[in-house]
C-alpha atoms as a PDB file:
ATOM      1  CA  UNK A   1      -4.353   3.009 -25.785  1.00  0.00           C
ATOM      2  CA  UNK A   2      -7.023   3.714 -28.364  1.00  0.00           C
ATOM      3  CA  UNK A   3      -8.834   6.958 -27.545  1.00  0.00           C
ATOM      4  CA  UNK A   4     -12.550   7.117 -28.288  1.00  0.00           C
ATOM      5  CA  UNK A   5     -13.968  10.633 -28.216  1.00  0.00           C
ATOM      6  CA  UNK A   6     -17.432   9.818 -26.926  1.00  0.00           C
ATOM      7  CA  UNK A   7     -18.994  10.589 -23.527  1.00  0.00           C
ATOM      8  CA  UNK A   8     -18.398   7.178 -22.002  1.00  0.00           C
ATOM      9  CA  UNK A   9     -16.060   5.846 -19.347  1.00  0.00           C
ATOM     10  CA  UNK A  10     -15.201   2.800 -17.308  1.00  0.00           C
ATOM     11  CA  UNK A  11     -13.138   1.773 -14.398  1.00  0.00           C
ATOM     12  CA  UNK A  12     -11.858  -1.589 -13.109  1.00  0.00           C
ATOM     13  CA  UNK A  13      -9.959  -4.380 -14.762  1.00  0.00           C
ATOM     14  CA  UNK A  14      -8.500  -7.782 -13.992  1.00  0.00           C
ATOM     15  CA  UNK A  15      -5.294  -9.582 -14.928  1.00  0.00           C
ATOM     16  CA  UNK A  16      -4.089 -13.166 -14.545  1.00  0.00           C
ATOM     17  CA  UNK A  17      -0.733 -14.655 -15.400  1.00  0.00           C
ATOM     18  CA  UNK A  18      -2.100 -17.588 -17.373  1.00  0.00           C
ATOM     19  CA  UNK A  19      -3.830 -15.862 -20.252  1.00  0.00           C
ATOM     20  CA  UNK A  20      -7.399 -16.224 -19.004  1.00  0.00           C
ATOM     21  CA  UNK A  21      -9.848 -13.444 -19.816  1.00  0.00           C
ATOM     22  CA  UNK A  22     -11.876 -12.420 -16.779  1.00  0.00           C
ATOM     23  CA  UNK A  23     -14.996 -10.405 -17.602  1.00  0.00           C
ATOM     24  CA  UNK A  24     -17.593  -9.679 -14.934  1.00  0.00           C
ATOM     25  CA  UNK A  25     -20.004  -7.813 -17.180  1.00  0.00           C
ATOM     26  CA  UNK A  26     -21.971  -8.769 -20.248  1.00  0.00           C
ATOM     27  CA  UNK A  27     -20.872  -6.509 -23.078  1.00  0.00           C
ATOM     28  CA  UNK A  28     -20.930  -6.829 -26.832  1.00  0.00           C
ATOM     29  CA  UNK A  29     -18.766  -4.680 -29.064  1.00  0.00           C
ATOM     30  CA  UNK A  30     -15.238  -3.316 -29.204  1.00  0.00           C
ATOM     31  CA  UNK A  31     -13.479  -1.861 -26.141  1.00  0.00           C
ATOM     32  CA  UNK A  32     -14.130   1.824 -25.605  1.00  0.00           C
ATOM     33  CA  UNK A  33     -10.459   2.323 -24.825  1.00  0.00           C
ATOM     34  CA  UNK A  34      -7.407   0.065 -24.427  1.00  0.00           C
ATOM     35  CA  UNK A  35      -4.343   0.592 -22.198  1.00  0.00           C
ATOM     36  CA  UNK A  36      -1.266  -1.648 -22.354  1.00  0.00           C
ATOM     37  CA  UNK A  37       1.954  -1.872 -20.417  1.00  0.00           C
ATOM     38  CA  UNK A  38       4.497  -3.930 -18.496  1.00  0.00           C
ATOM     39  CA  UNK A  39       4.510  -5.097 -14.897  1.00  0.00           C
ATOM     40  CA  UNK A  40       7.806  -4.333 -13.198  1.00  0.00           C
ATOM     41  CA  UNK A  41       7.684  -6.924 -10.423  1.00  0.00           C
ATOM     42  CA  UNK A  42      10.017  -6.773  -7.419  1.00  0.00           C
ATOM     43  CA  UNK A  43      11.106 -10.047  -5.773  1.00  0.00           C
ATOM     44  CA  UNK A  44       8.216 -11.253  -3.639  1.00  0.00           C
ATOM     45  CA  UNK A  45       6.933 -14.299  -1.845  1.00  0.00           C
ATOM     46  CA  UNK A  46       3.357 -13.527  -2.838  1.00  0.00           C
ATOM     47  CA  UNK A  47       2.011 -15.612  -5.743  1.00  0.00           C
ATOM     48  CA  UNK A  48       2.067 -13.587  -8.936  1.00  0.00           C
ATOM     49  CA  UNK A  49      -0.827 -15.545 -10.437  1.00  0.00           C
ATOM     50  CA  UNK A  50      -3.204 -13.759  -8.049  1.00  0.00           C
ATOM     51  CA  UNK A  51      -2.193 -10.297  -9.236  1.00  0.00           C
ATOM     52  CA  UNK A  52      -4.967  -8.047 -10.562  1.00  0.00           C
ATOM     53  CA  UNK A  53      -4.985  -4.612 -12.220  1.00  0.00           C
ATOM     54  CA  UNK A  54      -7.655  -2.018 -11.591  1.00  0.00           C
ATOM     55  CA  UNK A  55      -8.556   1.564 -12.419  1.00  0.00           C
ATOM     56  CA  UNK A  56      -9.493   3.637  -9.377  1.00  0.00           C
ATOM     57  CA  UNK A  57     -11.348   6.859 -10.191  1.00  0.00           C
ATOM     58  CA  UNK A  58     -10.848   9.625  -7.664  1.00  0.00           C
ATOM     59  CA  UNK A  59     -13.884  11.765  -6.891  1.00  0.00           C
ATOM     60  CA  UNK A  60     -13.452  14.981  -4.927  1.00  0.00           C
ATOM     61  CA  UNK A  61     -16.274  15.377  -2.403  1.00  0.00           C
ATOM     62  CA  UNK A  62     -16.690  15.565   1.346  1.00  0.00           C
ATOM     63  CA  UNK A  63     -15.826  11.868   1.717  1.00  0.00           C
ATOM     64  CA  UNK A  64     -12.994  11.736  -0.836  1.00  0.00           C
ATOM     65  CA  UNK A  65     -14.972   8.908  -2.441  1.00  0.00           C
ATOM     66  CA  UNK A  66     -13.150   6.440  -4.692  1.00  0.00           C
ATOM     67  CA  UNK A  67     -15.108   4.446  -7.241  1.00  0.00           C
ATOM     68  CA  UNK A  68     -14.246   1.461  -9.411  1.00  0.00           C
ATOM     69  CA  UNK A  69     -16.079  -0.791 -11.872  1.00  0.00           C
ATOM     70  CA  UNK A  70     -15.427  -4.063 -13.650  1.00  0.00           C
ATOM     71  CA  UNK A  71     -13.907  -4.117 -17.119  1.00  0.00           C
ATOM     72  CA  UNK A  72     -11.483  -6.629 -18.618  1.00  0.00           C
ATOM     73  CA  UNK A  73      -7.780  -7.446 -18.650  1.00  0.00           C
ATOM     74  CA  UNK A  74      -6.111  -9.987 -20.894  1.00  0.00           C
ATOM     75  CA  UNK A  75      -2.537 -11.228 -20.821  1.00  0.00           C
ATOM     76  CA  UNK A  76      -0.434 -14.217 -21.841  1.00  0.00           C
ATOM     77  CA  UNK A  77       2.502 -13.158 -19.702  1.00  0.00           C
ATOM     78  CA  UNK A  78       2.457 -11.977 -16.087  1.00  0.00           C
ATOM     79  CA  UNK A  79       4.970  -9.311 -17.114  1.00  0.00           C
ATOM     80  CA  UNK A  80       2.518  -7.618 -19.478  1.00  0.00           C
ATOM     81  CA  UNK A  81      -1.122  -6.607 -19.417  1.00  0.00           C
ATOM     82  CA  UNK A  82      -3.772  -5.268 -21.778  1.00  0.00           C
ATOM     83  CA  UNK A  83      -6.618  -3.331 -20.205  1.00  0.00           C
ATOM     84  CA  UNK A  84      -9.842  -3.156 -22.213  1.00  0.00           C
ATOM     85  CA  UNK A  85     -12.381  -0.624 -20.978  1.00  0.00           C
ATOM     86  CA  UNK A  86     -15.802  -2.014 -21.861  1.00  0.00           C
ATOM     87  CA  UNK A  87     -18.360  -0.059 -19.843  1.00  0.00           C
ATOM     88  CA  UNK A  88     -19.589   3.533 -19.706  1.00  0.00           C
ATOM     89  CA  UNK A  89     -18.850   5.408 -16.474  1.00  0.00           C
ATOM     90  CA  UNK A  90     -21.242   6.084 -13.646  1.00  0.00           C
ATOM     91  CA  UNK A  91     -21.790   9.765 -12.968  1.00  0.00           C
ATOM     92  CA  UNK A  92     -20.049   9.399  -9.599  1.00  0.00           C
ATOM     93  CA  UNK A  93     -16.754   8.758 -11.383  1.00  0.00           C
ATOM     94  CA  UNK A  94     -16.600  12.349 -12.668  1.00  0.00           C
ATOM     95  CA  UNK A  95     -15.609  15.512 -10.819  1.00  0.00           C
ATOM     96  CA  UNK A  96     -17.404  18.790 -11.537  1.00  0.00           C
ATOM     97  CA  UNK A  97     -15.197  21.743 -12.445  1.00  0.00           C
ATOM     98  CA  UNK A  98     -16.408  24.690 -10.318  1.00  0.00           C
ATOM     99  CA  UNK A  99     -15.333  27.186 -12.981  1.00  0.00           C
ATOM    100  CA  UNK A 100     -17.264  25.815 -15.966  1.00  0.00           C
ATOM    101  CA  UNK A 101     -19.503  23.052 -14.608  1.00  0.00           C
ATOM    102  CA  UNK A 102     -17.796  20.604 -16.978  1.00  0.00           C
ATOM    103  CA  UNK A 103     -17.070  17.082 -15.801  1.00  0.00           C
ATOM    104  CA  UNK A 104     -13.771  15.209 -15.864  1.00  0.00           C
ATOM    105  CA  UNK A 105     -12.350  12.185 -14.078  1.00  0.00           C
ATOM    106  CA  UNK A 106      -8.846  10.908 -13.268  1.00  0.00           C
ATOM    107  CA  UNK A 107      -8.008   7.273 -12.460  1.00  0.00           C
ATOM    108  CA  UNK A 108      -4.973   5.712 -10.864  1.00  0.00           C
ATOM    109  CA  UNK A 109      -3.886   2.487 -12.610  1.00  0.00           C
ATOM    110  CA  UNK A 110      -3.286   0.164  -9.664  1.00  0.00           C
ATOM    111  CA  UNK A 111      -2.487  -3.487  -8.954  1.00  0.00           C
ATOM    112  CA  UNK A 112      -3.523  -5.678  -6.046  1.00  0.00           C
ATOM    113  CA  UNK A 113      -3.554  -9.294  -4.881  1.00  0.00           C
ATOM    114  CA  UNK A 114      -6.747 -11.306  -5.271  1.00  0.00           C
ATOM    115  CA  UNK A 115      -5.935 -14.783  -3.891  1.00  0.00           C
ATOM    116  CA  UNK A 116      -9.595 -15.592  -3.154  1.00  0.00           C
ATOM    117  CA  UNK A 117     -10.811 -14.247  -6.522  1.00  0.00           C
ATOM    118  CA  UNK A 118     -13.051 -11.708  -4.813  1.00  0.00           C
ATOM    119  CA  UNK A 119     -12.707  -9.183  -7.599  1.00  0.00           C
ATOM    120  CA  UNK A 120     -11.795  -5.509  -7.220  1.00  0.00           C
ATOM    121  CA  UNK A 121     -11.539  -3.961  -3.784  1.00  0.00           C
ATOM    122  CA  UNK A 122     -14.784  -2.061  -3.159  1.00  0.00           C
ATOM    123  CA  UNK A 123     -13.337   1.215  -1.943  1.00  0.00           C
ATOM    124  CA  UNK A 124     -16.765   2.609  -1.036  1.00  0.00           C
ATOM    125  CA  UNK A 125     -17.348  -0.098   1.603  1.00  0.00           C
ATOM    126  CA  UNK A 126     -14.034  -0.233   3.438  1.00  0.00           C
ATOM    127  CA  UNK A 127     -14.361  -0.117   7.234  1.00  0.00           C
ATOM    128  CA  UNK A 128     -11.507   0.530   9.706  1.00  0.00           C
ATOM    129  CA  UNK A 129     -11.235  -3.153  10.623  1.00  0.00           C
ATOM    130  CA  UNK A 130     -10.441  -3.974   6.983  1.00  0.00           C
ATOM    131  CA  UNK A 131      -7.713  -1.364   6.589  1.00  0.00           C
ATOM    132  CA  UNK A 132      -4.768  -3.687   7.229  1.00  0.00           C
ATOM    133  CA  UNK A 133      -6.104  -6.268   4.779  1.00  0.00           C
ATOM    134  CA  UNK A 134      -6.649  -3.543   2.184  1.00  0.00           C
ATOM    135  CA  UNK A 135      -3.112  -2.197   2.530  1.00  0.00           C
ATOM    136  CA  UNK A 136      -1.712  -5.727   2.317  1.00  0.00           C
ATOM    137  CA  UNK A 137      -3.547  -6.420  -0.945  1.00  0.00           C
ATOM    138  CA  UNK A 138      -2.431  -3.280  -2.789  1.00  0.00           C
ATOM    139  CA  UNK A 139       0.748  -3.975  -4.736  1.00  0.00           C
ATOM    140  CA  UNK A 140       1.539  -0.749  -6.635  1.00  0.00           C
ATOM    141  CA  UNK A 141       0.736   0.695 -10.033  1.00  0.00           C
ATOM    142  CA  UNK A 142       1.777   3.509 -12.342  1.00  0.00           C
ATOM    143  CA  UNK A 143       3.890   6.104 -10.591  1.00  0.00           C
ATOM    144  CA  UNK A 144       3.405   8.912 -13.099  1.00  0.00           C
ATOM    145  CA  UNK A 145       0.473   8.222 -15.471  1.00  0.00           C
ATOM    146  CA  UNK A 146      -3.265   8.362 -14.915  1.00  0.00           C
ATOM    147  CA  UNK A 147      -6.156   7.670 -17.275  1.00  0.00           C
ATOM    148  CA  UNK A 148      -8.440  10.688 -17.682  1.00  0.00           C
ATOM    149  CA  UNK A 149     -11.914  10.917 -19.112  1.00  0.00           C
ATOM    150  CA  UNK A 150     -13.221  14.274 -20.280  1.00  0.00           C
ATOM    151  CA  UNK A 151     -17.017  14.377 -20.429  1.00  0.00           C
ATOM    152  CA  UNK A 152     -17.386  18.031 -21.496  1.00  0.00           C
ATOM    153  CA  UNK A 153     -15.242  20.326 -23.643  1.00  0.00           C
ATOM    154  CA  UNK A 154     -12.906  22.755 -21.871  1.00  0.00           C
ATOM    155  CA  UNK A 155     -12.093  25.847 -23.908  1.00  0.00           C
ATOM    156  CA  UNK A 156      -8.856  27.794 -24.033  1.00  0.00           C
ATOM    157  CA  UNK A 157      -8.204  29.842 -20.930  1.00  0.00           C
ATOM    158  CA  UNK A 158     -10.160  27.698 -18.496  1.00  0.00           C
ATOM    159  CA  UNK A 159      -8.331  26.260 -15.508  1.00  0.00           C
ATOM    160  CA  UNK A 160      -8.679  22.648 -16.660  1.00  0.00           C
ATOM    161  CA  UNK A 161      -7.515  23.499 -20.210  1.00  0.00           C
ATOM    162  CA  UNK A 162      -4.537  25.438 -18.851  1.00  0.00           C
ATOM    163  CA  UNK A 163      -3.570  22.528 -16.599  1.00  0.00           C
ATOM    164  CA  UNK A 164      -3.702  20.044 -19.483  1.00  0.00           C
ATOM    165  CA  UNK A 165      -1.889  22.241 -21.992  1.00  0.00           C
ATOM    166  CA  UNK A 166      -4.740  23.665 -24.065  1.00  0.00           C
ATOM    167  CA  UNK A 167      -8.375  23.223 -25.145  1.00  0.00           C
ATOM    168  CA  UNK A 168      -9.611  19.677 -24.748  1.00  0.00           C
ATOM    169  CA  UNK A 169     -12.556  17.793 -26.217  1.00  0.00           C
ATOM    170  CA  UNK A 170     -14.533  14.867 -24.727  1.00  0.00           C
ATOM    171  CA  UNK A 171     -12.741  11.523 -24.702  1.00  0.00           C
ATOM    172  CA  UNK A 172     -10.160   9.339 -22.969  1.00  0.00           C
ATOM    173  CA  UNK A 173      -6.607  10.587 -22.443  1.00  0.00           C
ATOM    174  CA  UNK A 174      -3.399   9.376 -20.858  1.00  0.00           C
ATOM    175  CA  UNK A 175      -2.031  12.095 -18.579  1.00  0.00           C
ATOM    176  CA  UNK A 176       1.529  12.139 -17.274  1.00  0.00           C
ATOM    177  CA  UNK A 177       2.195  13.941 -13.996  1.00  0.00           C
ATOM    178  CA  UNK A 178       5.539  15.740 -13.925  1.00  0.00           C
ATOM    179  CA  UNK A 179       7.118  17.094 -10.789  1.00  0.00           C
ATOM    180  CA  UNK A 180       8.628  16.292  -7.447  1.00  0.00           C
ATOM    181  CA  UNK A 181       5.539  15.293  -5.482  1.00  0.00           C
ATOM    182  CA  UNK A 182       4.527  11.759  -4.503  1.00  0.00           C
ATOM    183  CA  UNK A 183       2.078  10.192  -2.077  1.00  0.00           C
ATOM    184  CA  UNK A 184       2.684   7.032  -0.066  1.00  0.00           C
ATOM    185  CA  UNK A 185      -0.382   4.842   0.593  1.00  0.00           C
ATOM    186  CA  UNK A 186       1.226   3.179   3.596  1.00  0.00           C
ATOM    187  CA  UNK A 187       1.490   6.570   5.331  1.00  0.00           C
ATOM    188  CA  UNK A 188      -2.186   7.432   4.857  1.00  0.00           C
ATOM    189  CA  UNK A 189      -1.587   9.262   1.601  1.00  0.00           C
ATOM    190  CA  UNK A 190       0.958  11.799   2.850  1.00  0.00           C
ATOM    191  CA  UNK A 191       2.436  13.656  -0.149  1.00  0.00           C
ATOM    192  CA  UNK A 192       5.994  14.962   0.008  1.00  0.00           C
ATOM    193  CA  UNK A 193       8.755  16.127  -2.327  1.00  0.00           C
ATOM    194  CA  UNK A 194      12.316  14.793  -2.373  1.00  0.00           C
ATOM    195  CA  UNK A 195      13.206  17.192   0.439  1.00  0.00           C
ATOM    196  CA  UNK A 196      10.482  15.823   2.688  1.00  0.00           C
ATOM    197  CA  UNK A 197       8.302  18.914   2.366  1.00  0.00           C
ATOM    198  CA  UNK A 198       4.538  18.576   2.056  1.00  0.00           C
ATOM    199  CA  UNK A 199       3.109  19.068  -1.444  1.00  0.00           C
ATOM    200  CA  UNK A 200      -0.234  18.582  -3.161  1.00  0.00           C
ATOM    201  CA  UNK A 201       0.258  18.755  -6.926  1.00  0.00           C
ATOM    202  CA  UNK A 202       2.404  18.074  -9.966  1.00  0.00           C
ATOM    203  CA  UNK A 203       2.324  19.512 -13.471  1.00  0.00           C
ATOM    204  CA  UNK A 204       0.201  17.545 -15.964  1.00  0.00           C
ATOM    205  CA  UNK A 205       0.578  16.888 -19.672  1.00  0.00           C
ATOM    206  CA  UNK A 206      -1.396  14.766 -22.144  1.00  0.00           C
ATOM    207  CA  UNK A 207       0.739  12.052 -23.756  1.00  0.00           C
ATOM    208  CA  UNK A 208       0.382   9.711 -26.725  1.00  0.00           C
ATOM    209  CA  UNK A 209      -2.462   7.199 -26.366  1.00  0.00           C
ATOM    210  CA  UNK A 210      -0.027   4.464 -27.460  1.00  0.00           C
ATOM    211  CA  UNK A 211       2.316   5.052 -24.501  1.00  0.00           C
ATOM    212  CA  UNK A 212       3.235   1.911 -22.561  1.00  0.00           C
ATOM    213  CA  UNK A 213       1.851   2.409 -19.058  1.00  0.00           C
ATOM    214  CA  UNK A 214       4.254   0.416 -16.899  1.00  0.00           C
ATOM    215  CA  UNK A 215       3.215  -0.585 -13.383  1.00  0.00           C
ATOM    216  CA  UNK A 216       5.697  -0.770 -10.516  1.00  0.00           C
ATOM    217  CA  UNK A 217       4.818  -3.829  -8.408  1.00  0.00           C
ATOM    218  CA  UNK A 218       6.279  -3.753  -4.874  1.00  0.00           C
ATOM    219  CA  UNK A 219       6.399  -6.072  -1.860  1.00  0.00           C
ATOM    220  CA  UNK A 220       5.168  -3.392   0.538  1.00  0.00           C
ATOM    221  CA  UNK A 221       2.677  -0.755  -0.605  1.00  0.00           C
ATOM    222  CA  UNK A 222       4.409   1.731   1.709  1.00  0.00           C
ATOM    223  CA  UNK A 223       7.277   1.699  -0.814  1.00  0.00           C
ATOM    224  CA  UNK A 224       5.034   2.691  -3.729  1.00  0.00           C
ATOM    225  CA  UNK A 225       5.153   6.314  -4.879  1.00  0.00           C
ATOM    226  CA  UNK A 226       1.801   7.344  -6.348  1.00  0.00           C
ATOM    227  CA  UNK A 227       1.151  10.677  -8.002  1.00  0.00           C
ATOM    228  CA  UNK A 228      -1.252  12.976  -6.147  1.00  0.00           C
ATOM    229  CA  UNK A 229      -4.788  13.264  -7.415  1.00  0.00           C
ATOM    230  CA  UNK A 230      -5.428  16.675  -9.054  1.00  0.00           C
ATOM    231  CA  UNK A 231      -8.012  17.619  -6.446  1.00  0.00           C
ATOM    232  CA  UNK A 232      -6.956  21.254  -6.607  1.00  0.00           C
ATOM    233  CA  UNK A 233      -8.666  21.511  -9.999  1.00  0.00           C
ATOM    234  CA  UNK A 234     -12.040  21.028  -8.349  1.00  0.00           C
ATOM    235  CA  UNK A 235     -11.713  23.453  -5.467  1.00  0.00           C
ATOM    236  CA  UNK A 236     -13.189  26.940  -5.566  1.00  0.00           C
ATOM    237  CA  UNK A 237     -10.570  29.688  -5.463  1.00  0.00           C
END
């Protein structure tokens, strides 16, 4: 991943197994940030050539709103992907730190089926009757890495800086979540540790922007272990 320290962000990307570039937005210029990795695909009867990759930005508010946007994915091999972030973020993609007023966003890197080429799942418009179809289409993602975008500087001693290991300037970052806490989408997001006890957070650390972000692709999304969103950062003490 190439980090660009400017106040811009983006969110959703596509991947095909035949090397086609799918871009749903007109954009001229270099990617703002690039993420690459491997797809670790479990045996499945679902066609791999309909697999897509997307960034899902988690926003902490009264509706736990999730937002995504179109960017671009390229790939000559279904086992690998390159994610090019091309667009600046909408304001809704950023959480407000109650301590400093600074803004920061965290995105899960997820994969889903798109057999009808409908594009990314619009998480803001899901209704109960679509829940089963939504769960069926999700196929997994990164189990320990999220893409973060820092809009405002966080100085030493602030809660966000302490959580990320020190002062941090605006830009894109890969963040690895370390700890024994995972959430399972098929169980309505219940987060537990290896002992089955409820949990809500893991330790975070910024990692090299060149890290390969591998995605675990599963047959049943209920088998996918996703790291919890760091919502606790945005709650008043």
